[in-house]
Amino acid sequence: MTAGPLQAVEAHLAAFNARDTDAVLAGFAEDAVFASGDLLVVGRRGLARLFAEAFSGEARAALEIRRAVVTGDTVACELRELVAFAGGTTELEVAAFFTVREGRLVRVKVYREGAA
């Protein structure tokens, strides 16, 4: 059975929080689009580089859903991002919009506090 949109997003966030690149990529469609600020990544190959780089750093980010609204195949989320690094931690507010088809993320647009 295919996961519903919210379940697909929850699985993505769990994989992200675990820094599990393979599980993160498994949740994306082959031709998925990821956009955040000036960053635009198209396709799983680009996403593999993006997440491998993100997970290789010393900073550890964890995302949690504060609120989610599901309309059709779109999930709008208010997220809390807690970033831990050598000097301490910081908390950021994030808005993200996920489009899910057949249980996979096909489009993700992220608006992060302090980013364009």
N, C-alpha and C. Protein backbone atom coordinates (compact mmCIF):
# COMPACT_ATOMS: atom_id res chain seq x y z
N MET A 1 0.84 -1.18 0.00
CA MET A 1 0.00 0.00 0.00
C MET A 1 0.89 1.25 0.00
N THR A 2 0.53 2.22 -0.80
CA THR A 2 1.29 3.46 -0.91
C THR A 2 1.00 4.36 0.28
N ALA A 3 2.07 4.97 0.80
CA ALA A 3 1.92 5.89 1.93
C ALA A 3 1.16 7.13 1.48
N GLY A 4 0.33 7.67 2.38
CA GLY A 4 -0.34 8.92 2.10
C GLY A 4 0.66 10.06 2.17
N PRO A 5 0.26 11.26 1.72
CA PRO A 5 1.18 12.39 1.71
C PRO A 5 1.83 12.69 3.06
N LEU A 6 1.04 12.74 4.13
CA LEU A 6 1.62 13.07 5.44
C LEU A 6 2.58 11.97 5.90
N GLN A 7 2.22 10.72 5.66
CA GLN A 7 3.10 9.62 6.05
C GLN A 7 4.42 9.66 5.28
N ALA A 8 4.37 10.05 4.01
CA ALA A 8 5.59 10.17 3.21
C ALA A 8 6.49 11.27 3.77
N VAL A 9 5.90 12.38 4.17
CA VAL A 9 6.67 13.48 4.76
C VAL A 9 7.26 13.05 6.10
N GLU A 10 6.46 12.40 6.92
CA GLU A 10 6.97 11.93 8.22
C GLU A 10 8.13 10.96 8.05
N ALA A 11 8.04 10.07 7.07
CA ALA A 11 9.12 9.12 6.80
C ALA A 11 10.37 9.86 6.33
N HIS A 12 10.19 10.89 5.50
CA HIS A 12 11.32 11.69 5.04
C HIS A 12 12.01 12.37 6.21
N LEU A 13 11.24 12.97 7.09
CA LEU A 13 11.83 13.68 8.24
C LEU A 13 12.54 12.70 9.18
N ALA A 14 11.98 11.52 9.38
CA ALA A 14 12.63 10.52 10.23
C ALA A 14 13.96 10.09 9.63
N ALA A 15 14.00 9.89 8.31
CA ALA A 15 15.25 9.53 7.64
C ALA A 15 16.26 10.67 7.71
N PHE A 16 15.78 11.90 7.52
CA PHE A 16 16.66 13.07 7.63
C PHE A 16 17.25 13.15 9.03
N ASN A 17 16.42 13.03 10.04
CA ASN A 17 16.89 13.13 11.42
C ASN A 17 17.88 12.03 11.77
N ALA A 18 17.75 10.86 11.13
CA ALA A 18 18.67 9.75 11.35
C ALA A 18 19.93 9.89 10.49
N ARG A 19 19.97 10.90 9.64
CA ARG A 19 21.09 11.12 8.70
C ARG A 19 21.30 9.90 7.81
N ASP A 20 20.19 9.31 7.40
CA ASP A 20 20.21 8.10 6.58
C ASP A 20 19.98 8.49 5.12
N THR A 21 21.08 8.71 4.41
CA THR A 21 21.00 9.19 3.02
C THR A 21 20.18 8.24 2.15
N ASP A 22 20.40 6.93 2.28
CA ASP A 22 19.67 5.97 1.45
C ASP A 22 18.16 6.05 1.69
N ALA A 23 17.75 6.14 2.94
CA ALA A 23 16.32 6.24 3.25
C ALA A 23 15.75 7.57 2.78
N VAL A 24 16.51 8.65 2.91
CA VAL A 24 16.05 9.95 2.41
C VAL A 24 15.81 9.85 0.91
N LEU A 25 16.78 9.33 0.18
CA LEU A 25 16.66 9.24 -1.28
C LEU A 25 15.54 8.32 -1.72
N ALA A 26 15.31 7.25 -0.97
CA ALA A 26 14.25 6.30 -1.32
C ALA A 26 12.87 6.96 -1.29
N GLY A 27 12.73 8.03 -0.53
CA GLY A 27 11.45 8.72 -0.44
C GLY A 27 11.18 9.71 -1.56
N PHE A 28 12.19 9.96 -2.41
CA PHE A 28 12.04 10.91 -3.51
C PHE A 28 11.76 10.19 -4.82
N ALA A 29 10.95 10.81 -5.68
CA ALA A 29 10.79 10.34 -7.05
C ALA A 29 12.10 10.57 -7.79
N GLU A 30 12.33 9.82 -8.85
CA GLU A 30 13.58 9.92 -9.62
C GLU A 30 13.84 11.34 -10.12
N ASP A 31 12.79 12.04 -10.53
CA ASP A 31 12.94 13.39 -11.10
C ASP A 31 12.48 14.48 -10.13
N ALA A 32 12.57 14.22 -8.85
CA ALA A 32 12.10 15.17 -7.83
C ALA A 32 12.85 16.49 -7.92
N VAL A 33 12.16 17.55 -7.47
CA VAL A 33 12.73 18.90 -7.43
C VAL A 33 12.75 19.35 -5.98
N PHE A 34 13.91 19.87 -5.55
CA PHE A 34 14.10 20.38 -4.19
C PHE A 34 14.59 21.81 -4.31
N ALA A 35 13.89 22.75 -3.67
CA ALA A 35 14.28 24.16 -3.73
C ALA A 35 14.28 24.76 -2.34
N SER A 36 15.32 25.55 -2.06
CA SER A 36 15.44 26.26 -0.79
C SER A 36 16.30 27.48 -1.03
N GLY A 37 15.74 28.67 -0.80
CA GLY A 37 16.50 29.89 -1.08
C GLY A 37 16.90 29.92 -2.54
N ASP A 38 18.19 30.12 -2.81
CA ASP A 38 18.71 30.14 -4.18
C ASP A 38 19.06 28.75 -4.69
N LEU A 39 18.93 27.75 -3.86
CA LEU A 39 19.30 26.38 -4.22
C LEU A 39 18.16 25.70 -4.97
N LEU A 40 18.50 25.07 -6.09
CA LEU A 40 17.54 24.27 -6.85
C LEU A 40 18.24 22.97 -7.25
N VAL A 41 17.70 21.85 -6.82
CA VAL A 41 18.28 20.54 -7.14
C VAL A 41 17.20 19.73 -7.83
N VAL A 42 17.56 19.14 -8.97
CA VAL A 42 16.61 18.32 -9.73
C VAL A 42 17.18 16.91 -9.87
N GLY A 43 16.40 15.93 -9.49
CA GLY A 43 16.78 14.54 -9.67
C GLY A 43 17.49 13.93 -8.47
N ARG A 44 17.37 12.61 -8.39
CA ARG A 44 17.94 11.89 -7.25
C ARG A 44 19.46 12.00 -7.18
N ARG A 45 20.13 12.07 -8.32
CA ARG A 45 21.60 12.17 -8.28
C ARG A 45 22.03 13.46 -7.59
N GLY A 46 21.39 14.55 -7.94
CA GLY A 46 21.70 15.82 -7.29
C GLY A 46 21.32 15.80 -5.82
N LEU A 47 20.19 15.17 -5.51
CA LEU A 47 19.77 15.05 -4.12
C LEU A 47 20.75 14.21 -3.31
N ALA A 48 21.31 13.17 -3.94
CA ALA A 48 22.30 12.33 -3.25
C ALA A 48 23.50 13.18 -2.83
N ARG A 49 23.97 14.04 -3.73
CA ARG A 49 25.09 14.93 -3.39
C ARG A 49 24.70 15.91 -2.29
N LEU A 50 23.51 16.49 -2.41
CA LEU A 50 23.04 17.47 -1.43
C LEU A 50 23.00 16.88 -0.02
N PHE A 51 22.36 15.73 0.12
CA PHE A 51 22.20 15.15 1.45
C PHE A 51 23.50 14.53 1.97
N ALA A 52 24.32 13.97 1.08
CA ALA A 52 25.62 13.44 1.53
C ALA A 52 26.46 14.57 2.11
N GLU A 53 26.44 15.72 1.44
CA GLU A 53 27.19 16.88 1.94
C GLU A 53 26.59 17.38 3.26
N ALA A 54 25.28 17.46 3.32
CA ALA A 54 24.61 17.96 4.54
C ALA A 54 24.90 17.05 5.73
N PHE A 55 24.95 15.75 5.50
CA PHE A 55 25.14 14.81 6.60
C PHE A 55 26.61 14.60 6.96
N SER A 56 27.52 15.08 6.13
CA SER A 56 28.95 14.87 6.40
C SER A 56 29.52 15.90 7.36
N GLY A 57 28.84 17.00 7.55
CA GLY A 57 29.34 18.06 8.43
C GLY A 57 29.18 17.70 9.89
N GLU A 58 29.83 18.49 10.72
CA GLU A 58 29.75 18.26 12.17
C GLU A 58 28.41 18.70 12.76
N ALA A 59 27.80 19.71 12.16
CA ALA A 59 26.50 20.18 12.67
C ALA A 59 25.45 19.09 12.42
N ARG A 60 24.58 18.92 13.39
CA ARG A 60 23.49 17.94 13.28
C ARG A 60 22.16 18.67 13.37
N ALA A 61 21.38 18.51 12.33
CA ALA A 61 20.07 19.15 12.30
C ALA A 61 18.99 18.10 12.55
N ALA A 62 17.96 18.50 13.26
CA ALA A 62 16.80 17.64 13.49
C ALA A 62 15.55 18.48 13.23
N LEU A 63 14.63 17.91 12.49
CA LEU A 63 13.39 18.60 12.13
C LEU A 63 12.21 17.94 12.82
N GLU A 64 11.28 18.77 13.28
CA GLU A 64 10.03 18.22 13.82
C GLU A 64 8.87 19.05 13.30
N ILE A 65 7.78 18.36 13.05
CA ILE A 65 6.57 19.03 12.56
C ILE A 65 5.87 19.69 13.73
N ARG A 66 5.62 20.98 13.59
CA ARG A 66 4.79 21.69 14.57
C ARG A 66 3.34 21.66 14.13
N ARG A 67 3.12 21.91 12.86
CA ARG A 67 1.78 21.87 12.27
C ARG A 67 1.90 21.38 10.84
N ALA A 68 0.87 20.68 10.39
CA ALA A 68 0.83 20.22 9.00
C ALA A 68 -0.60 20.31 8.50
N VAL A 69 -0.72 20.75 7.27
CA VAL A 69 -2.02 20.82 6.60
C VAL A 69 -1.88 20.04 5.30
N VAL A 70 -2.77 19.09 5.10
CA VAL A 70 -2.73 18.27 3.90
C VAL A 70 -3.91 18.64 3.02
N THR A 71 -3.62 18.96 1.77
CA THR A 71 -4.65 19.24 0.78
C THR A 71 -4.29 18.46 -0.47
N GLY A 72 -5.06 17.42 -0.76
CA GLY A 72 -4.75 16.59 -1.91
C GLY A 72 -3.38 15.95 -1.75
N ASP A 73 -2.49 16.20 -2.73
CA ASP A 73 -1.16 15.60 -2.69
C ASP A 73 -0.11 16.55 -2.10
N THR A 74 -0.55 17.65 -1.51
CA THR A 74 0.37 18.65 -0.96
C THR A 74 0.28 18.70 0.57
N VAL A 75 1.46 18.76 1.20
CA VAL A 75 1.55 18.89 2.65
C VAL A 75 2.30 20.19 2.95
N ALA A 76 1.64 21.10 3.64
CA ALA A 76 2.27 22.35 4.08
C ALA A 76 2.63 22.17 5.55
N CYS A 77 3.90 22.39 5.87
CA CYS A 77 4.38 22.15 7.23
C CYS A 77 5.03 23.38 7.83
N GLU A 78 4.75 23.58 9.10
CA GLU A 78 5.54 24.48 9.93
C GLU A 78 6.46 23.56 10.72
N LEU A 79 7.76 23.76 10.55
CA LEU A 79 8.74 22.89 11.18
C LEU A 79 9.61 23.66 12.15
N ARG A 80 10.13 22.94 13.11
CA ARG A 80 11.16 23.46 14.01
C ARG A 80 12.43 22.71 13.65
N GLU A 81 13.50 23.47 13.38
CA GLU A 81 14.79 22.85 13.08
C GLU A 81 15.74 23.17 14.23
N LEU A 82 16.22 22.15 14.87
CA LEU A 82 17.18 22.30 15.95
C LEU A 82 18.54 21.86 15.41
N VAL A 83 19.50 22.79 15.40
CA VAL A 83 20.82 22.51 14.86
C VAL A 83 21.83 22.51 16.00
N ALA A 84 22.50 21.38 16.18
CA ALA A 84 23.53 21.25 17.21
C ALA A 84 24.90 21.29 16.53
N PHE A 85 25.80 22.07 17.09
CA PHE A 85 27.15 22.19 16.55
C PHE A 85 28.11 22.34 17.71
N ALA A 86 29.40 22.38 17.43
CA ALA A 86 30.42 22.37 18.48
C ALA A 86 30.22 23.47 19.52
N GLY A 87 29.76 24.64 19.10
CA GLY A 87 29.60 25.76 20.02
C GLY A 87 28.26 25.83 20.72
N GLY A 88 27.35 24.92 20.43
CA GLY A 88 26.03 24.98 21.06
C GLY A 88 24.93 24.53 20.13
N THR A 89 23.76 25.12 20.30
CA THR A 89 22.61 24.78 19.47
C THR A 89 21.88 26.06 19.07
N THR A 90 21.14 25.95 18.00
CA THR A 90 20.28 27.04 17.58
C THR A 90 18.97 26.44 17.06
N GLU A 91 17.91 27.21 17.17
CA GLU A 91 16.60 26.76 16.71
C GLU A 91 16.13 27.69 15.62
N LEU A 92 15.64 27.11 14.52
CA LEU A 92 15.16 27.88 13.39
C LEU A 92 13.71 27.50 13.09
N GLU A 93 12.98 28.46 12.56
CA GLU A 93 11.63 28.21 12.08
C GLU A 93 11.71 27.94 10.59
N VAL A 94 11.00 26.92 10.14
CA VAL A 94 11.04 26.51 8.75
C VAL A 94 9.61 26.28 8.27
N ALA A 95 9.33 26.72 7.05
CA ALA A 95 8.08 26.37 6.38
C ALA A 95 8.47 25.53 5.18
N ALA A 96 7.78 24.44 4.96
CA ALA A 96 8.10 23.57 3.84
C ALA A 96 6.81 23.06 3.21
N PHE A 97 6.87 22.95 1.89
CA PHE A 97 5.74 22.48 1.11
C PHE A 97 6.19 21.25 0.33
N PHE A 98 5.53 20.15 0.56
CA PHE A 98 5.88 18.87 -0.05
C PHE A 98 4.75 18.45 -0.99
N THR A 99 5.10 18.06 -2.21
CA THR A 99 4.13 17.46 -3.12
C THR A 99 4.48 15.98 -3.23
N VAL A 100 3.49 15.13 -3.00
CA VAL A 100 3.70 13.69 -2.93
C VAL A 100 2.82 13.01 -3.97
N ARG A 101 3.44 12.12 -4.75
CA ARG A 101 2.67 11.31 -5.70
C ARG A 101 3.12 9.86 -5.58
N GLU A 102 2.16 8.97 -5.49
CA GLU A 102 2.44 7.54 -5.36
C GLU A 102 3.41 7.26 -4.22
N GLY A 103 3.26 8.01 -3.12
CA GLY A 103 4.05 7.77 -1.93
C GLY A 103 5.45 8.34 -1.94
N ARG A 104 5.82 9.07 -3.00
CA ARG A 104 7.17 9.64 -3.11
C ARG A 104 7.10 11.17 -3.23
N LEU A 105 8.12 11.81 -2.68
CA LEU A 105 8.21 13.27 -2.79
C LEU A 105 8.61 13.63 -4.22
N VAL A 106 7.81 14.48 -4.86
CA VAL A 106 8.13 14.93 -6.21
C VAL A 106 8.58 16.38 -6.23
N ARG A 107 8.19 17.14 -5.22
CA ARG A 107 8.60 18.54 -5.13
C ARG A 107 8.64 18.93 -3.66
N VAL A 108 9.75 19.61 -3.29
CA VAL A 108 9.90 20.12 -1.94
C VAL A 108 10.40 21.56 -2.05
N LYS A 109 9.70 22.47 -1.42
CA LYS A 109 10.10 23.88 -1.36
C LYS A 109 10.22 24.25 0.10
N VAL A 110 11.42 24.72 0.49
CA VAL A 110 11.72 25.02 1.89
C VAL A 110 12.00 26.51 2.05
N TYR A 111 11.37 27.11 3.04
CA TYR A 111 11.62 28.50 3.42
C TYR A 111 12.18 28.47 4.83
N ARG A 112 13.45 28.82 4.94
CA ARG A 112 14.14 28.76 6.24
C ARG A 112 14.35 30.17 6.76
N GLU A 113 14.13 30.34 8.05
CA GLU A 113 14.36 31.62 8.71
C GLU A 113 15.77 32.10 8.39
N GLY A 114 15.89 33.34 7.93
CA GLY A 114 17.19 33.92 7.62
C GLY A 114 17.71 33.60 6.24
N ALA A 115 16.96 32.82 5.44
CA ALA A 115 17.37 32.49 4.08
C ALA A 115 16.43 33.16 3.10
N ALA A 116 16.90 33.31 1.88
CA ALA A 116 16.08 33.95 0.84
C ALA A 116 14.96 33.04 0.42
